[in-house]
Amino acid sequence: MASKPSLALKRRLKAPPEKIYEAWTVPEKMIQWWGASDAPSRTAEADVRVGGRFHVGFRGNDDSQHDVGGIYREVVPNRRLVFSWAWRTTPERESQVTIDLKADGDSTILTLTHEQFVDDKARDDHVVGWTTALDNLERALA
């Protein structure tokens, strides 16, 4: 059986792991960076525990509405999050996201791995989306 497409992005962020973990898990912080560059998030919910759910709703640069959510599969505070990922419009296309945080001096190395895409186009679209999101996160942490 052929493996499904995946992506991995790595980013050095000028913040401690605790601050970055909060940005991924505290709704008030999540809404500061999720979404397109010019269109901030509108809503965020997070029940950060294994089996807990998250949801983020945001607008794209073209004013389109996007809603994504999932279930936390692994939670290691300030170090690792693993969660399912499904868009409200295509819930049957569930994939998995892993966020690893590693302290590196006064910075943190964030590694984002997104696996089990339905096809290469979905992966490529998410490379663009995650790159924008990580740019936004970097600005929010500054």
N, C-alpha and C. Protein backbone atom coordinates (compact mmCIF):
# COMPACT_ATOMS: atom_id res chain seq x y z
N MET A 1 0.84 -1.18 0.00
CA MET A 1 0.00 0.00 0.00
C MET A 1 0.89 1.25 0.00
N ALA A 2 0.60 2.18 -0.87
CA ALA A 2 1.39 3.41 -0.97
C ALA A 2 1.13 4.29 0.24
N SER A 3 2.18 4.97 0.68
CA SER A 3 2.01 5.88 1.81
C SER A 3 1.32 7.15 1.34
N LYS A 4 0.64 7.80 2.28
CA LYS A 4 -0.05 9.04 1.97
C LYS A 4 0.92 10.20 2.10
N PRO A 5 0.68 11.30 1.36
CA PRO A 5 1.57 12.46 1.43
C PRO A 5 1.61 13.07 2.83
N SER A 6 2.75 13.68 3.15
CA SER A 6 2.91 14.37 4.43
C SER A 6 3.82 15.57 4.22
N LEU A 7 3.93 16.39 5.26
CA LEU A 7 4.83 17.54 5.22
C LEU A 7 5.48 17.70 6.58
N ALA A 8 6.62 18.35 6.60
CA ALA A 8 7.31 18.69 7.85
C ALA A 8 7.91 20.08 7.68
N LEU A 9 7.63 20.95 8.63
CA LEU A 9 8.17 22.31 8.64
C LEU A 9 8.86 22.54 9.97
N LYS A 10 9.98 23.23 9.92
CA LYS A 10 10.73 23.52 11.13
C LYS A 10 10.94 25.02 11.21
N ARG A 11 10.80 25.55 12.42
CA ARG A 11 10.93 27.00 12.61
C ARG A 11 11.59 27.27 13.96
N ARG A 12 12.57 28.17 13.97
CA ARG A 12 13.18 28.64 15.23
C ARG A 12 12.41 29.90 15.64
N LEU A 13 11.83 29.86 16.82
CA LEU A 13 11.04 30.98 17.31
C LEU A 13 11.71 31.58 18.54
N LYS A 14 11.73 32.91 18.61
CA LYS A 14 12.36 33.62 19.72
C LYS A 14 11.41 33.70 20.91
N ALA A 15 11.16 32.55 21.52
CA ALA A 15 10.29 32.47 22.69
C ALA A 15 10.53 31.12 23.36
N PRO A 16 10.27 31.03 24.65
CA PRO A 16 10.42 29.74 25.33
C PRO A 16 9.29 28.78 24.94
N PRO A 17 9.53 27.48 25.09
CA PRO A 17 8.50 26.50 24.74
C PRO A 17 7.15 26.75 25.42
N GLU A 18 7.16 27.23 26.65
CA GLU A 18 5.92 27.48 27.38
C GLU A 18 5.03 28.50 26.68
N LYS A 19 5.66 29.55 26.17
CA LYS A 19 4.90 30.60 25.48
C LYS A 19 4.33 30.09 24.15
N ILE A 20 5.09 29.28 23.45
CA ILE A 20 4.63 28.73 22.18
C ILE A 20 3.52 27.71 22.41
N TYR A 21 3.67 26.89 23.44
CA TYR A 21 2.63 25.91 23.79
C TYR A 21 1.32 26.64 24.09
N GLU A 22 1.38 27.73 24.85
CA GLU A 22 0.18 28.53 25.13
C GLU A 22 -0.45 29.04 23.84
N ALA A 23 0.37 29.46 22.89
CA ALA A 23 -0.16 29.97 21.62
C ALA A 23 -0.95 28.91 20.87
N TRP A 24 -0.62 27.65 21.08
CA TRP A 24 -1.31 26.53 20.43
C TRP A 24 -2.49 26.00 21.24
N THR A 25 -2.59 26.37 22.52
CA THR A 25 -3.57 25.70 23.38
C THR A 25 -4.53 26.63 24.12
N VAL A 26 -4.26 27.90 24.17
CA VAL A 26 -5.12 28.86 24.87
C VAL A 26 -5.91 29.63 23.81
N PRO A 27 -7.25 29.47 23.78
CA PRO A 27 -8.05 30.10 22.72
C PRO A 27 -7.76 31.59 22.50
N GLU A 28 -7.58 32.35 23.58
CA GLU A 28 -7.32 33.78 23.45
C GLU A 28 -6.00 34.04 22.72
N LYS A 29 -5.06 33.13 22.82
CA LYS A 29 -3.79 33.25 22.12
C LYS A 29 -3.91 32.69 20.70
N MET A 30 -4.66 31.60 20.53
CA MET A 30 -4.83 30.97 19.22
C MET A 30 -5.41 31.95 18.20
N ILE A 31 -6.38 32.75 18.64
CA ILE A 31 -7.03 33.66 17.69
C ILE A 31 -6.12 34.80 17.24
N GLN A 32 -4.98 34.96 17.88
CA GLN A 32 -4.05 36.02 17.50
C GLN A 32 -3.22 35.66 16.27
N TRP A 33 -3.17 34.38 15.90
CA TRP A 33 -2.28 34.01 14.79
C TRP A 33 -2.88 33.03 13.77
N TRP A 34 -3.93 32.33 14.10
CA TRP A 34 -4.55 31.41 13.13
C TRP A 34 -5.20 32.21 12.01
N GLY A 35 -5.17 31.68 10.83
CA GLY A 35 -5.86 32.31 9.70
C GLY A 35 -4.90 32.99 8.76
N ALA A 36 -5.47 33.57 7.74
CA ALA A 36 -4.69 34.25 6.71
C ALA A 36 -4.03 35.51 7.29
N SER A 37 -3.00 35.96 6.62
CA SER A 37 -2.22 37.10 7.11
C SER A 37 -3.07 38.34 7.38
N ASP A 38 -3.97 38.65 6.46
CA ASP A 38 -4.75 39.88 6.58
C ASP A 38 -6.14 39.66 7.19
N ALA A 39 -6.41 38.45 7.65
CA ALA A 39 -7.75 38.14 8.16
C ALA A 39 -7.62 37.32 9.43
N PRO A 40 -7.68 37.96 10.59
CA PRO A 40 -7.47 37.23 11.84
C PRO A 40 -8.60 36.23 12.11
N SER A 41 -8.29 35.31 12.98
CA SER A 41 -9.27 34.30 13.38
C SER A 41 -10.47 34.95 14.04
N ARG A 42 -11.55 34.26 13.98
CA ARG A 42 -12.77 34.74 14.61
C ARG A 42 -13.08 33.97 15.89
N THR A 43 -12.85 32.66 15.88
CA THR A 43 -13.20 31.84 17.03
C THR A 43 -12.14 30.77 17.26
N ALA A 44 -12.00 30.37 18.52
CA ALA A 44 -11.12 29.25 18.87
C ALA A 44 -11.63 28.61 20.15
N GLU A 45 -11.60 27.31 20.18
CA GLU A 45 -11.96 26.53 21.36
C GLU A 45 -10.92 25.44 21.51
N ALA A 46 -10.56 25.11 22.76
CA ALA A 46 -9.57 24.06 22.99
C ALA A 46 -9.80 23.41 24.35
N ASP A 47 -10.02 22.10 24.34
CA ASP A 47 -10.11 21.28 25.54
C ASP A 47 -8.87 20.40 25.51
N VAL A 48 -7.76 20.94 26.01
CA VAL A 48 -6.45 20.35 25.81
C VAL A 48 -6.21 19.20 26.79
N ARG A 49 -6.61 18.03 26.35
CA ARG A 49 -6.39 16.77 27.07
C ARG A 49 -6.58 15.67 26.06
N VAL A 50 -5.99 14.52 26.31
CA VAL A 50 -6.18 13.41 25.38
C VAL A 50 -7.67 13.11 25.30
N GLY A 51 -8.19 13.11 24.08
CA GLY A 51 -9.62 12.92 23.85
C GLY A 51 -10.40 14.22 23.79
N GLY A 52 -9.78 15.34 24.20
CA GLY A 52 -10.42 16.65 24.11
C GLY A 52 -10.43 17.16 22.68
N ARG A 53 -11.28 18.11 22.42
CA ARG A 53 -11.44 18.64 21.06
C ARG A 53 -10.96 20.09 20.95
N PHE A 54 -10.61 20.47 19.73
CA PHE A 54 -10.33 21.87 19.43
C PHE A 54 -11.10 22.25 18.17
N HIS A 55 -11.32 23.53 18.02
CA HIS A 55 -11.96 24.07 16.82
C HIS A 55 -11.43 25.48 16.62
N VAL A 56 -11.13 25.82 15.37
CA VAL A 56 -10.74 27.18 15.00
C VAL A 56 -11.52 27.56 13.76
N GLY A 57 -12.13 28.74 13.79
CA GLY A 57 -12.82 29.29 12.64
C GLY A 57 -12.15 30.59 12.24
N PHE A 58 -11.84 30.72 10.97
CA PHE A 58 -11.17 31.95 10.53
C PHE A 58 -11.54 32.25 9.08
N ARG A 59 -11.23 33.47 8.68
CA ARG A 59 -11.50 33.90 7.31
C ARG A 59 -10.20 33.91 6.52
N GLY A 60 -10.32 33.58 5.24
CA GLY A 60 -9.18 33.65 4.34
C GLY A 60 -9.01 35.06 3.81
N ASN A 61 -7.91 35.30 3.12
CA ASN A 61 -7.68 36.62 2.52
C ASN A 61 -8.78 37.00 1.54
N ASP A 62 -9.45 36.00 0.96
CA ASP A 62 -10.54 36.27 0.03
C ASP A 62 -11.89 36.35 0.74
N ASP A 63 -11.86 36.44 2.08
CA ASP A 63 -13.04 36.55 2.94
C ASP A 63 -13.84 35.25 3.03
N SER A 64 -13.29 34.14 2.54
CA SER A 64 -13.96 32.85 2.68
C SER A 64 -13.83 32.37 4.13
N GLN A 65 -14.84 31.64 4.60
CA GLN A 65 -14.84 31.14 5.97
C GLN A 65 -14.22 29.74 6.01
N HIS A 66 -13.35 29.50 6.97
CA HIS A 66 -12.70 28.20 7.15
C HIS A 66 -12.92 27.73 8.59
N ASP A 67 -13.27 26.47 8.74
CA ASP A 67 -13.46 25.87 10.06
C ASP A 67 -12.73 24.55 10.10
N VAL A 68 -11.85 24.40 11.08
CA VAL A 68 -11.09 23.17 11.23
C VAL A 68 -11.15 22.74 12.69
N GLY A 69 -11.10 21.46 12.90
CA GLY A 69 -11.11 20.94 14.26
C GLY A 69 -10.53 19.55 14.32
N GLY A 70 -10.43 19.06 15.54
CA GLY A 70 -9.90 17.72 15.73
C GLY A 70 -9.91 17.32 17.18
N ILE A 71 -9.28 16.18 17.42
CA ILE A 71 -9.22 15.59 18.75
C ILE A 71 -7.75 15.45 19.14
N TYR A 72 -7.43 15.86 20.38
CA TYR A 72 -6.07 15.72 20.88
C TYR A 72 -5.79 14.24 21.16
N ARG A 73 -4.70 13.75 20.57
CA ARG A 73 -4.32 12.34 20.74
C ARG A 73 -3.15 12.17 21.70
N GLU A 74 -2.32 13.21 21.80
CA GLU A 74 -1.19 13.19 22.74
C GLU A 74 -0.97 14.62 23.21
N VAL A 75 -0.79 14.78 24.52
CA VAL A 75 -0.57 16.10 25.10
C VAL A 75 0.57 16.00 26.11
N VAL A 76 1.69 16.63 25.80
CA VAL A 76 2.82 16.71 26.72
C VAL A 76 3.11 18.21 26.87
N PRO A 77 2.61 18.84 27.93
CA PRO A 77 2.72 20.29 28.07
C PRO A 77 4.13 20.81 27.79
N ASN A 78 4.17 21.86 26.99
CA ASN A 78 5.39 22.59 26.64
C ASN A 78 6.37 21.78 25.79
N ARG A 79 5.95 20.58 25.32
CA ARG A 79 6.85 19.75 24.52
C ARG A 79 6.22 19.17 23.26
N ARG A 80 4.95 18.70 23.35
CA ARG A 80 4.41 17.97 22.21
C ARG A 80 2.89 17.98 22.23
N LEU A 81 2.32 18.17 21.04
CA LEU A 81 0.88 18.03 20.82
C LEU A 81 0.70 17.17 19.57
N VAL A 82 -0.22 16.22 19.64
CA VAL A 82 -0.61 15.44 18.48
C VAL A 82 -2.13 15.50 18.42
N PHE A 83 -2.66 15.86 17.25
CA PHE A 83 -4.11 15.97 17.14
C PHE A 83 -4.57 15.63 15.73
N SER A 84 -5.81 15.16 15.65
CA SER A 84 -6.40 14.94 14.33
C SER A 84 -6.76 16.29 13.75
N TRP A 85 -6.95 16.31 12.44
CA TRP A 85 -7.18 17.56 11.70
C TRP A 85 -8.21 17.28 10.61
N ALA A 86 -9.34 17.97 10.68
CA ALA A 86 -10.36 17.80 9.64
C ALA A 86 -11.09 19.12 9.42
N TRP A 87 -11.22 19.50 8.16
CA TRP A 87 -11.98 20.70 7.80
C TRP A 87 -13.46 20.37 7.89
N ARG A 88 -14.25 21.33 8.31
CA ARG A 88 -15.69 21.11 8.43
C ARG A 88 -16.30 20.71 7.09
N THR A 89 -15.77 21.25 6.00
CA THR A 89 -16.32 20.96 4.67
C THR A 89 -15.92 19.59 4.14
N THR A 90 -14.85 19.00 4.69
CA THR A 90 -14.41 17.67 4.24
C THR A 90 -14.01 16.81 5.44
N PRO A 91 -14.96 16.50 6.32
CA PRO A 91 -14.62 15.75 7.54
C PRO A 91 -14.08 14.35 7.27
N GLU A 92 -14.37 13.81 6.12
CA GLU A 92 -13.89 12.47 5.78
C GLU A 92 -12.38 12.46 5.46
N ARG A 93 -11.79 13.62 5.29
CA ARG A 93 -10.36 13.72 4.96
C ARG A 93 -9.52 14.00 6.20
N GLU A 94 -9.70 13.23 7.23
CA GLU A 94 -8.97 13.45 8.48
C GLU A 94 -7.49 13.13 8.31
N SER A 95 -6.66 14.02 8.83
CA SER A 95 -5.21 13.83 8.83
C SER A 95 -4.72 14.03 10.26
N GLN A 96 -3.41 14.03 10.45
CA GLN A 96 -2.85 14.17 11.80
C GLN A 96 -1.72 15.19 11.81
N VAL A 97 -1.73 16.03 12.86
CA VAL A 97 -0.71 17.05 13.05
C VAL A 97 0.06 16.76 14.34
N THR A 98 1.38 16.89 14.26
CA THR A 98 2.24 16.75 15.44
C THR A 98 3.06 18.03 15.56
N ILE A 99 3.03 18.61 16.76
CA ILE A 99 3.82 19.80 17.06
C ILE A 99 4.84 19.39 18.12
N ASP A 100 6.13 19.50 17.79
CA ASP A 100 7.20 19.22 18.75
C ASP A 100 7.92 20.52 19.06
N LEU A 101 8.16 20.76 20.35
CA LEU A 101 8.85 21.96 20.80
C LEU A 101 10.12 21.55 21.55
N LYS A 102 11.24 22.16 21.16
CA LYS A 102 12.51 21.85 21.82
C LYS A 102 13.23 23.15 22.12
N ALA A 103 13.49 23.39 23.42
CA ALA A 103 14.22 24.60 23.82
C ALA A 103 15.59 24.60 23.18
N ASP A 104 16.03 25.79 22.75
CA ASP A 104 17.34 25.95 22.13
C ASP A 104 17.86 27.33 22.52
N GLY A 105 18.54 27.40 23.66
CA GLY A 105 18.99 28.69 24.18
C GLY A 105 17.78 29.54 24.53
N ASP A 106 17.74 30.78 24.01
CA ASP A 106 16.59 31.66 24.29
C ASP A 106 15.50 31.50 23.23
N SER A 107 15.62 30.48 22.41
CA SER A 107 14.65 30.21 21.35
C SER A 107 14.07 28.81 21.54
N THR A 108 13.14 28.48 20.64
CA THR A 108 12.55 27.14 20.61
C THR A 108 12.52 26.68 19.16
N ILE A 109 12.88 25.44 18.95
CA ILE A 109 12.73 24.83 17.63
C ILE A 109 11.36 24.17 17.60
N LEU A 110 10.50 24.65 16.73
CA LEU A 110 9.17 24.07 16.53
C LEU A 110 9.23 23.21 15.27
N THR A 111 8.84 21.96 15.40
CA THR A 111 8.72 21.08 14.24
C THR A 111 7.27 20.70 14.09
N LEU A 112 6.69 21.03 12.95
CA LEU A 112 5.31 20.71 12.64
C LEU A 112 5.32 19.61 11.58
N THR A 113 4.69 18.50 11.90
CA THR A 113 4.56 17.39 10.96
C THR A 113 3.07 17.17 10.72
N HIS A 114 2.67 17.16 9.47
CA HIS A 114 1.26 16.94 9.12
C HIS A 114 1.24 15.74 8.18
N GLU A 115 0.53 14.69 8.59
CA GLU A 115 0.56 13.41 7.88
C GLU A 115 -0.83 12.96 7.44
N GLN A 116 -0.83 12.02 6.52
CA GLN A 116 -2.04 11.33 6.08
C GLN A 116 -2.96 12.20 5.21
N PHE A 117 -2.35 13.01 4.35
CA PHE A 117 -3.15 13.79 3.40
C PHE A 117 -3.78 12.87 2.38
N VAL A 118 -4.92 13.28 1.87
CA VAL A 118 -5.62 12.48 0.87
C VAL A 118 -4.86 12.46 -0.47
N ASP A 119 -4.16 13.56 -0.79
CA ASP A 119 -3.41 13.61 -2.05
C ASP A 119 -2.34 14.71 -1.98
N ASP A 120 -1.53 14.80 -3.03
CA ASP A 120 -0.45 15.79 -3.07
C ASP A 120 -0.97 17.22 -3.06
N LYS A 121 -2.08 17.48 -3.72
CA LYS A 121 -2.63 18.84 -3.74
C LYS A 121 -3.01 19.29 -2.34
N ALA A 122 -3.65 18.42 -1.57
CA ALA A 122 -4.02 18.78 -0.19
C ALA A 122 -2.76 19.10 0.61
N ARG A 123 -1.71 18.29 0.45
CA ARG A 123 -0.46 18.55 1.14
C ARG A 123 0.12 19.89 0.73
N ASP A 124 0.18 20.15 -0.57
CA ASP A 124 0.76 21.39 -1.07
C ASP A 124 -0.02 22.61 -0.59
N ASP A 125 -1.35 22.51 -0.55
CA ASP A 125 -2.18 23.61 -0.03
C ASP A 125 -1.86 23.86 1.45
N HIS A 126 -1.64 22.78 2.20
CA HIS A 126 -1.34 22.93 3.63
C HIS A 126 0.07 23.46 3.86
N VAL A 127 1.00 23.19 2.97
CA VAL A 127 2.34 23.80 3.10
C VAL A 127 2.19 25.32 3.07
N VAL A 128 1.40 25.82 2.13
CA VAL A 128 1.17 27.26 2.03
C VAL A 128 0.47 27.77 3.30
N GLY A 129 -0.59 27.09 3.72
CA GLY A 129 -1.35 27.51 4.89
C GLY A 129 -0.52 27.49 6.16
N TRP A 130 0.22 26.41 6.38
CA TRP A 130 1.03 26.32 7.60
C TRP A 130 2.18 27.32 7.58
N THR A 131 2.76 27.58 6.42
CA THR A 131 3.84 28.57 6.35
C THR A 131 3.30 29.94 6.75
N THR A 132 2.13 30.30 6.25
CA THR A 132 1.49 31.57 6.63
C THR A 132 1.20 31.59 8.12
N ALA A 133 0.64 30.49 8.64
CA ALA A 133 0.31 30.41 10.07
C ALA A 133 1.56 30.57 10.93
N LEU A 134 2.65 29.92 10.56
CA LEU A 134 3.87 30.03 11.35
C LEU A 134 4.46 31.43 11.27
N ASP A 135 4.33 32.08 10.12
CA ASP A 135 4.74 33.49 10.02
C ASP A 135 3.91 34.34 10.99
N ASN A 136 2.61 34.10 11.01
CA ASN A 136 1.72 34.84 11.92
C ASN A 136 2.08 34.56 13.38
N LEU A 137 2.36 33.29 13.69
CA LEU A 137 2.74 32.93 15.05
C LEU A 137 4.02 33.66 15.47
N GLU A 138 4.97 33.69 14.57
CA GLU A 138 6.23 34.39 14.87
C GLU A 138 5.98 35.86 15.19
N ARG A 139 5.12 36.51 14.43
CA ARG A 139 4.77 37.92 14.69
C ARG A 139 4.03 38.06 16.03
N ALA A 140 3.13 37.13 16.31
CA ALA A 140 2.35 37.20 17.56
C ALA A 140 3.24 37.02 18.79
N LEU A 141 4.31 36.27 18.65
CA LEU A 141 5.21 36.02 19.78
C LEU A 141 6.20 37.16 20.00
N ALA A 142 6.35 38.03 18.99
CA ALA A 142 7.35 39.11 19.09
C ALA A 142 6.98 40.13 20.13
